[in-house]
C-alpha atoms as a PDB file:
ATOM      1  CA  MET A   1      -5.425 -14.005  49.417  1.00  0.00           C
ATOM      2  CA  PRO A   2      -5.144 -10.464  50.604  1.00  0.00           C
ATOM      3  CA  THR A   3      -6.147  -7.570  48.477  1.00  0.00           C
ATOM      4  CA  ALA A   4      -3.979  -4.634  47.703  1.00  0.00           C
ATOM      5  CA  SER A   5      -4.568  -1.435  49.520  1.00  0.00           C
ATOM      6  CA  PRO A   6      -6.383   1.346  47.929  1.00  0.00           C
ATOM      7  CA  VAL A   7      -3.235   3.593  48.275  1.00  0.00           C
ATOM      8  CA  LEU A   8      -1.148   1.099  46.307  1.00  0.00           C
ATOM      9  CA  THR A   9      -3.707   0.396  43.610  1.00  0.00           C
ATOM     10  CA  SER A  10      -3.869   4.178  43.005  1.00  0.00           C
ATOM     11  CA  LYS A  11      -0.097   4.586  42.750  1.00  0.00           C
ATOM     12  CA  PHE A  12       0.089   1.501  40.425  1.00  0.00           C
ATOM     13  CA  ARG A  13      -2.870   3.211  38.217  1.00  0.00           C
ATOM     14  CA  ASP A  14      -0.916   6.597  38.284  1.00  0.00           C
ATOM     15  CA  ILE A  15       2.219   4.890  37.250  1.00  0.00           C
ATOM     16  CA  VAL A  16       0.560   2.993  34.429  1.00  0.00           C
ATOM     17  CA  ALA A  17      -1.235   6.331  33.296  1.00  0.00           C
ATOM     18  CA  ARG A  18       2.189   8.347  33.058  1.00  0.00           C
ATOM     19  CA  VAL A  19       3.669   5.444  31.218  1.00  0.00           C
ATOM     20  CA  GLY A  20       0.916   5.350  28.816  1.00  0.00           C
ATOM     21  CA  SER A  21       1.140   9.161  28.270  1.00  0.00           C
ATOM     22  CA  VAL A  22       4.919   8.911  27.670  1.00  0.00           C
ATOM     23  CA  LEU A  23       4.329   6.212  25.057  1.00  0.00           C
ATOM     24  CA  ARG A  24       1.848   8.298  23.231  1.00  0.00           C
ATOM     25  CA  GLU A  25       3.993  11.244  23.253  1.00  0.00           C
ATOM     26  CA  GLN A  26       7.044   9.225  22.071  1.00  0.00           C
ATOM     27  CA  ARG A  27       4.676   7.833  19.171  1.00  0.00           C
ATOM     28  CA  LYS A  28       3.500  11.460  18.293  1.00  0.00           C
ATOM     29  CA  ILE A  29       7.279  12.735  18.061  1.00  0.00           C
ATOM     30  CA  ASP A  30       8.494   9.381  15.957  1.00  0.00           C
ATOM     31  CA  ALA A  31       5.279   9.949  13.594  1.00  0.00           C
ATOM     32  CA  GLN A  32       6.398  13.525  13.075  1.00  0.00           C
ATOM     33  CA  ARG A  33      10.018  12.486  12.412  1.00  0.00           C
ATOM     34  CA  MET A  34       8.993   9.830   9.824  1.00  0.00           C
ATOM     35  CA  LEU A  35       6.880  12.708   8.001  1.00  0.00           C
ATOM     36  CA  GLN A  36       9.734  15.053   7.871  1.00  0.00           C
ATOM     37  CA  ARG A  37      12.120  12.121   6.713  1.00  0.00           C
ATOM     38  CA  TYR A  38       9.857  10.757   4.124  1.00  0.00           C
ATOM     39  CA  ARG A  39       7.947  13.789   2.964  1.00  0.00           C
ATOM     40  CA  HIS A  40       9.558  13.530  -0.311  1.00  0.00           C
ATOM     41  CA  LEU A  41       7.900  10.207  -1.002  1.00  0.00           C
ATOM     42  CA  LEU A  42       4.719  11.327  -0.014  1.00  0.00           C
ATOM     43  CA  ALA A  43       4.730  14.407  -2.313  1.00  0.00           C
ATOM     44  CA  SER A  44       2.838  13.812  -5.448  1.00  0.00           C
ATOM     45  CA  PRO A  45       5.266  14.814  -8.515  1.00  0.00           C
ATOM     46  CA  HIS A  46       3.796  17.230 -10.891  1.00  0.00           C
ATOM     47  CA  GLU A  47       4.677  15.298 -14.025  1.00  0.00           C
ATOM     48  CA  THR A  48       3.061  11.902 -13.141  1.00  0.00           C
ATOM     49  CA  LEU A  49       0.498  10.617 -15.480  1.00  0.00           C
ATOM     50  CA  SER A  50      -3.153  10.528 -14.481  1.00  0.00           C
ATOM     51  CA  LEU A  51      -4.978   7.056 -14.233  1.00  0.00           C
ATOM     52  CA  ASN A  52      -7.048   7.900 -17.301  1.00  0.00           C
ATOM     53  CA  GLU A  53      -3.710   8.618 -19.336  1.00  0.00           C
ATOM     54  CA  ILE A  54      -2.324   5.247 -18.061  1.00  0.00           C
ATOM     55  CA  ILE A  55      -5.363   3.305 -19.195  1.00  0.00           C
ATOM     56  CA  SER A  56      -5.477   4.976 -22.620  1.00  0.00           C
ATOM     57  CA  VAL A  57      -1.785   4.253 -23.173  1.00  0.00           C
ATOM     58  CA  SER A  58      -2.217   0.818 -22.151  1.00  0.00           C
ATOM     59  CA  ARG A  59      -5.301   0.406 -24.717  1.00  0.00           C
ATOM     60  CA  GLU A  60      -3.168   1.615 -27.368  1.00  0.00           C
ATOM     61  CA  LYS A  61      -0.819  -1.230 -27.113  1.00  0.00           C
ATOM     62  CA  ASP A  62      -1.284  -4.529 -29.246  1.00  0.00           C
ATOM     63  CA  THR A  63      -1.945  -7.168 -26.732  1.00  0.00           C
ATOM     64  CA  SER A  64      -3.790  -9.624 -28.840  1.00  0.00           C
ATOM     65  CA  GLY A  65      -0.641 -11.230 -30.827  1.00  0.00           C
ATOM     66  CA  ASN A  66       0.569 -14.579 -29.791  1.00  0.00           C
ATOM     67  CA  ALA A  67       4.248 -15.984 -29.203  1.00  0.00           C
ATOM     68  CA  HIS A  68       4.626 -15.988 -32.910  1.00  0.00           C
ATOM     69  CA  GLY A  69       3.551 -12.524 -33.598  1.00  0.00           C
ATOM     70  CA  SER A  70       0.454 -13.092 -35.365  1.00  0.00           C
ATOM     71  CA  ASP A  71      -2.850 -11.635 -34.293  1.00  0.00           C
ATOM     72  CA  ALA A  72      -5.594 -14.000 -33.277  1.00  0.00           C
ATOM     73  CA  CYS A  73      -8.299 -11.699 -35.087  1.00  0.00           C
ATOM     74  CA  GLU A  74      -6.395 -12.698 -38.441  1.00  0.00           C
ATOM     75  CA  ARG A  75      -6.684 -16.119 -38.124  1.00  0.00           C
ATOM     76  CA  ALA A  76      -8.725 -17.903 -40.991  1.00  0.00           C
ATOM     77  CA  ALA A  77     -12.230 -19.110 -39.811  1.00  0.00           C
ATOM     78  CA  GLY A  78     -11.510 -22.655 -40.754  1.00  0.00           C
ATOM     79  CA  GLN A  79      -8.190 -22.910 -38.856  1.00  0.00           C
ATOM     80  CA  PRO A  80      -8.489 -24.691 -35.470  1.00  0.00           C
ATOM     81  CA  LYS A  81      -7.692 -22.730 -32.478  1.00  0.00           C
ATOM     82  CA  PHE A  82      -5.322 -24.890 -30.797  1.00  0.00           C
ATOM     83  CA  GLU A  83      -2.750 -27.027 -32.911  1.00  0.00           C
ATOM     84  CA  ARG A  84      -0.918 -30.133 -31.698  1.00  0.00           C
ATOM     85  CA  ALA A  85       2.793 -30.150 -31.815  1.00  0.00           C
END
């Protein structure tokens, strides 16, 4: 099978390099447009709670109650943990 001439090979590589360059530039333009379009979603609002505040609020909630509204800690020591229906 005959090989391609060096001239054709260099032209092909030049074309591939140009196409690659154009694609990189277009991706850069698209990225800048996306940043401009969705900048409001990326900006951090000033009134948001910090992670420490969220954790302290979640600890204040009573999460130990069961479906009947009783607290598991208030259960008598002699009462079984699981009751049959």
